[in-house]
C-alpha atoms as a PDB file:
ATOM      1  CA  UNK A   1     -33.524 -18.567  11.209  1.00  0.00           C
ATOM      2  CA  UNK A   2     -34.739 -16.207  13.681  1.00  0.00           C
ATOM      3  CA  UNK A   3     -36.231 -12.835  12.533  1.00  0.00           C
ATOM      4  CA  UNK A   4     -37.083  -9.833  14.756  1.00  0.00           C
ATOM      5  CA  UNK A   5     -40.105  -7.746  14.259  1.00  0.00           C
ATOM      6  CA  UNK A   6     -41.370  -4.386  15.862  1.00  0.00           C
ATOM      7  CA  UNK A   7     -45.082  -4.393  16.197  1.00  0.00           C
ATOM      8  CA  UNK A   8     -46.742  -1.348  14.784  1.00  0.00           C
ATOM      9  CA  UNK A   9     -44.535  -1.030  11.715  1.00  0.00           C
ATOM     10  CA  UNK A  10     -44.729  -2.111   7.927  1.00  0.00           C
ATOM     11  CA  UNK A  11     -43.776  -5.739   8.868  1.00  0.00           C
ATOM     12  CA  UNK A  12     -46.915  -6.429  10.882  1.00  0.00           C
ATOM     13  CA  UNK A  13     -48.569  -8.060   7.864  1.00  0.00           C
ATOM     14  CA  UNK A  14     -45.690 -10.477   7.603  1.00  0.00           C
ATOM     15  CA  UNK A  15     -45.531 -11.017  11.471  1.00  0.00           C
ATOM     16  CA  UNK A  16     -49.269 -11.795  11.965  1.00  0.00           C
ATOM     17  CA  UNK A  17     -49.360 -13.768   8.567  1.00  0.00           C
ATOM     18  CA  UNK A  18     -46.663 -16.041  10.034  1.00  0.00           C
ATOM     19  CA  UNK A  19     -48.131 -16.759  13.513  1.00  0.00           C
ATOM     20  CA  UNK A  20     -51.835 -15.536  13.586  1.00  0.00           C
ATOM     21  CA  UNK A  21     -52.951 -19.177  13.501  1.00  0.00           C
ATOM     22  CA  UNK A  22     -50.686 -19.962  16.574  1.00  0.00           C
ATOM     23  CA  UNK A  23     -52.029 -16.902  18.511  1.00  0.00           C
ATOM     24  CA  UNK A  24     -55.486 -18.180  18.401  1.00  0.00           C
ATOM     25  CA  UNK A  25     -55.006 -21.909  18.787  1.00  0.00           C
ATOM     26  CA  UNK A  26     -56.640 -23.252  21.991  1.00  0.00           C
ATOM     27  CA  UNK A  27     -53.694 -25.824  22.533  1.00  0.00           C
ATOM     28  CA  UNK A  28     -51.230 -22.602  22.527  1.00  0.00           C
ATOM     29  CA  UNK A  29     -53.425 -21.083  25.125  1.00  0.00           C
ATOM     30  CA  UNK A  30     -53.332 -23.999  27.435  1.00  0.00           C
ATOM     31  CA  UNK A  31     -49.533 -24.474  27.099  1.00  0.00           C
ATOM     32  CA  UNK A  32     -48.893 -20.682  27.806  1.00  0.00           C
ATOM     33  CA  UNK A  33     -51.563 -20.697  30.582  1.00  0.00           C
ATOM     34  CA  UNK A  34     -53.098 -17.470  28.931  1.00  0.00           C
ATOM     35  CA  UNK A  35     -54.619 -16.162  25.701  1.00  0.00           C
ATOM     36  CA  UNK A  36     -51.827 -14.125  24.050  1.00  0.00           C
ATOM     37  CA  UNK A  37     -52.290 -10.310  23.657  1.00  0.00           C
ATOM     38  CA  UNK A  38     -50.054  -7.883  22.078  1.00  0.00           C
ATOM     39  CA  UNK A  39     -49.551  -4.055  21.633  1.00  0.00           C
ATOM     40  CA  UNK A  40     -47.772  -1.529  19.395  1.00  0.00           C
ATOM     41  CA  UNK A  41     -44.140  -1.467  20.356  1.00  0.00           C
ATOM     42  CA  UNK A  42     -43.871  -4.968  21.277  1.00  0.00           C
ATOM     43  CA  UNK A  43     -40.928  -7.109  20.077  1.00  0.00           C
ATOM     44  CA  UNK A  44     -41.276 -10.543  18.314  1.00  0.00           C
ATOM     45  CA  UNK A  45     -38.819 -13.106  17.518  1.00  0.00           C
ATOM     46  CA  UNK A  46     -40.105 -15.758  15.001  1.00  0.00           C
ATOM     47  CA  UNK A  47     -38.164 -18.918  14.470  1.00  0.00           C
ATOM     48  CA  UNK A  48     -38.472 -20.304  10.919  1.00  0.00           C
ATOM     49  CA  UNK A  49     -37.187 -23.510   9.563  1.00  0.00           C
ATOM     50  CA  UNK A  50     -35.308 -24.003   6.208  1.00  0.00           C
ATOM     51  CA  UNK A  51     -38.732 -24.103   4.466  1.00  0.00           C
ATOM     52  CA  UNK A  52     -40.010 -20.747   5.984  1.00  0.00           C
ATOM     53  CA  UNK A  53     -42.350 -22.618   8.549  1.00  0.00           C
ATOM     54  CA  UNK A  54     -42.862 -21.086  11.979  1.00  0.00           C
ATOM     55  CA  UNK A  55     -41.274 -23.469  14.596  1.00  0.00           C
ATOM     56  CA  UNK A  56     -41.222 -20.905  17.433  1.00  0.00           C
ATOM     57  CA  UNK A  57     -41.783 -17.686  18.561  1.00  0.00           C
ATOM     58  CA  UNK A  58     -41.483 -15.256  21.428  1.00  0.00           C
ATOM     59  CA  UNK A  59     -42.780 -11.729  22.359  1.00  0.00           C
ATOM     60  CA  UNK A  60     -41.349  -9.087  24.677  1.00  0.00           C
ATOM     61  CA  UNK A  61     -42.245  -5.592  25.962  1.00  0.00           C
ATOM     62  CA  UNK A  62     -39.911  -2.802  26.972  1.00  0.00           C
ATOM     63  CA  UNK A  63     -40.721  -0.684  29.998  1.00  0.00           C
ATOM     64  CA  UNK A  64     -39.573   2.867  30.768  1.00  0.00           C
ATOM     65  CA  UNK A  65     -37.094   1.185  33.334  1.00  0.00           C
ATOM     66  CA  UNK A  66     -34.462  -0.553  31.484  1.00  0.00           C
ATOM     67  CA  UNK A  67     -36.257  -3.875  31.688  1.00  0.00           C
ATOM     68  CA  UNK A  68     -37.528  -6.304  29.306  1.00  0.00           C
ATOM     69  CA  UNK A  69     -40.495  -8.572  29.819  1.00  0.00           C
ATOM     70  CA  UNK A  70     -40.575 -11.792  27.902  1.00  0.00           C
ATOM     71  CA  UNK A  71     -44.365 -12.264  27.674  1.00  0.00           C
ATOM     72  CA  UNK A  72     -44.566 -15.271  25.499  1.00  0.00           C
ATOM     73  CA  UNK A  73     -42.302 -18.078  24.486  1.00  0.00           C
ATOM     74  CA  UNK A  74     -43.329 -21.204  22.546  1.00  0.00           C
ATOM     75  CA  UNK A  75     -42.084 -23.826  20.347  1.00  0.00           C
ATOM     76  CA  UNK A  76     -44.256 -25.650  18.124  1.00  0.00           C
ATOM     77  CA  UNK A  77     -42.788 -28.944  18.755  1.00  0.00           C
ATOM     78  CA  UNK A  78     -40.807 -30.889  21.338  1.00  0.00           C
ATOM     79  CA  UNK A  79     -37.327 -29.773  20.286  1.00  0.00           C
ATOM     80  CA  UNK A  80     -35.648 -28.493  23.583  1.00  0.00           C
ATOM     81  CA  UNK A  81     -33.276 -26.185  21.623  1.00  0.00           C
ATOM     82  CA  UNK A  82     -35.785 -24.102  19.908  1.00  0.00           C
ATOM     83  CA  UNK A  83     -36.965 -22.052  22.965  1.00  0.00           C
ATOM     84  CA  UNK A  84     -33.161 -21.633  24.083  1.00  0.00           C
ATOM     85  CA  UNK A  85     -32.321 -20.166  20.723  1.00  0.00           C
ATOM     86  CA  UNK A  86     -35.281 -17.772  21.004  1.00  0.00           C
ATOM     87  CA  UNK A  87     -34.146 -16.732  24.525  1.00  0.00           C
ATOM     88  CA  UNK A  88     -30.512 -16.265  23.270  1.00  0.00           C
ATOM     89  CA  UNK A  89     -31.833 -13.988  20.491  1.00  0.00           C
ATOM     90  CA  UNK A  90     -33.708 -12.004  23.089  1.00  0.00           C
ATOM     91  CA  UNK A  91     -30.796 -11.702  25.381  1.00  0.00           C
ATOM     92  CA  UNK A  92     -28.749 -10.383  22.402  1.00  0.00           C
ATOM     93  CA  UNK A  93     -31.091  -7.805  21.712  1.00  0.00           C
ATOM     94  CA  UNK A  94     -31.520  -6.733  25.227  1.00  0.00           C
ATOM     95  CA  UNK A  95     -27.572  -6.385  25.720  1.00  0.00           C
ATOM     96  CA  UNK A  96     -27.425  -4.424  22.516  1.00  0.00           C
ATOM     97  CA  UNK A  97     -30.239  -2.007  23.467  1.00  0.00           C
ATOM     98  CA  UNK A  98     -28.680  -2.086  26.448  1.00  0.00           C
ATOM     99  CA  UNK A  99     -31.176  -3.163  29.078  1.00  0.00           C
ATOM    100  CA  UNK A 100     -30.460  -4.071  32.770  1.00  0.00           C
ATOM    101  CA  UNK A 101     -32.631  -6.929  33.271  1.00  0.00           C
ATOM    102  CA  UNK A 102     -34.946  -9.371  31.414  1.00  0.00           C
ATOM    103  CA  UNK A 103     -37.705 -11.189  33.380  1.00  0.00           C
ATOM    104  CA  UNK A 104     -40.654 -13.449  32.672  1.00  0.00           C
ATOM    105  CA  UNK A 105     -43.455 -15.186  34.380  1.00  0.00           C
ATOM    106  CA  UNK A 106     -43.806 -18.852  34.233  1.00  0.00           C
ATOM    107  CA  UNK A 107     -44.934 -21.818  36.320  1.00  0.00           C
ATOM    108  CA  UNK A 108     -42.975 -21.870  39.698  1.00  0.00           C
ATOM    109  CA  UNK A 109     -42.190 -25.629  38.863  1.00  0.00           C
ATOM    110  CA  UNK A 110     -40.539 -24.610  35.506  1.00  0.00           C
ATOM    111  CA  UNK A 111     -36.960 -25.925  35.367  1.00  0.00           C
ATOM    112  CA  UNK A 112     -36.260 -24.106  32.157  1.00  0.00           C
ATOM    113  CA  UNK A 113     -35.528 -20.536  33.248  1.00  0.00           C
ATOM    114  CA  UNK A 114     -33.036 -21.491  35.952  1.00  0.00           C
ATOM    115  CA  UNK A 115     -30.873 -23.618  33.397  1.00  0.00           C
ATOM    116  CA  UNK A 116     -30.441 -20.571  31.553  1.00  0.00           C
ATOM    117  CA  UNK A 117     -29.312 -18.379  34.702  1.00  0.00           C
ATOM    118  CA  UNK A 118     -32.668 -16.782  35.404  1.00  0.00           C
ATOM    119  CA  UNK A 119     -33.521 -16.777  39.155  1.00  0.00           C
ATOM    120  CA  UNK A 120     -36.876 -17.068  40.785  1.00  0.00           C
ATOM    121  CA  UNK A 121     -37.741 -13.708  42.389  1.00  0.00           C
ATOM    122  CA  UNK A 122     -39.377 -13.847  45.895  1.00  0.00           C
ATOM    123  CA  UNK A 123     -43.031 -14.385  45.666  1.00  0.00           C
ATOM    124  CA  UNK A 124     -45.527 -11.378  46.039  1.00  0.00           C
ATOM    125  CA  UNK A 125     -48.557 -11.298  48.147  1.00  0.00           C
ATOM    126  CA  UNK A 126     -50.597 -13.306  45.532  1.00  0.00           C
ATOM    127  CA  UNK A 127     -50.466 -17.111  45.681  1.00  0.00           C
ATOM    128  CA  UNK A 128     -50.729 -18.809  42.382  1.00  0.00           C
ATOM    129  CA  UNK A 129     -48.861 -21.104  40.155  1.00  0.00           C
ATOM    130  CA  UNK A 130     -46.911 -18.503  38.409  1.00  0.00           C
ATOM    131  CA  UNK A 131     -43.751 -16.857  39.446  1.00  0.00           C
ATOM    132  CA  UNK A 132     -41.322 -14.296  38.179  1.00  0.00           C
ATOM    133  CA  UNK A 133     -38.039 -15.240  36.956  1.00  0.00           C
ATOM    134  CA  UNK A 134     -35.099 -12.602  36.239  1.00  0.00           C
ATOM    135  CA  UNK A 135     -31.804 -12.249  34.872  1.00  0.00           C
ATOM    136  CA  UNK A 136     -29.564  -9.248  35.426  1.00  0.00           C
ATOM    137  CA  UNK A 137     -27.632  -8.227  32.452  1.00  0.00           C
ATOM    138  CA  UNK A 138     -25.029  -5.972  33.877  1.00  0.00           C
END
């Protein structure tokens, strides 16, 4: 079951009670390539198993432009369907809002985003291992 939270509301204690340990885990930081941060107004999707244990989560932030930035996406095991289900939930939210585009940053070698219809944006002037992946919703 995927549950959606808006950070900065009465659900914060449930949200961070569910994923707090994951957010400070060094192995998660290594998998993401960053130490996660968040802000009031961020949207979280938490995937729970039948026993109520967290099995994946995602975080996104809306901008004034009609775009949604997926900032974090993690599955706590190797089940390939978990991140796909989280992205599908994010896309449902974005279409209902409605937003024009979803984007994320991931390693340029990632084959996950293209399989879901995201295209790699042209590189900016900075060089590095991360690239932007975008999906237009209109």
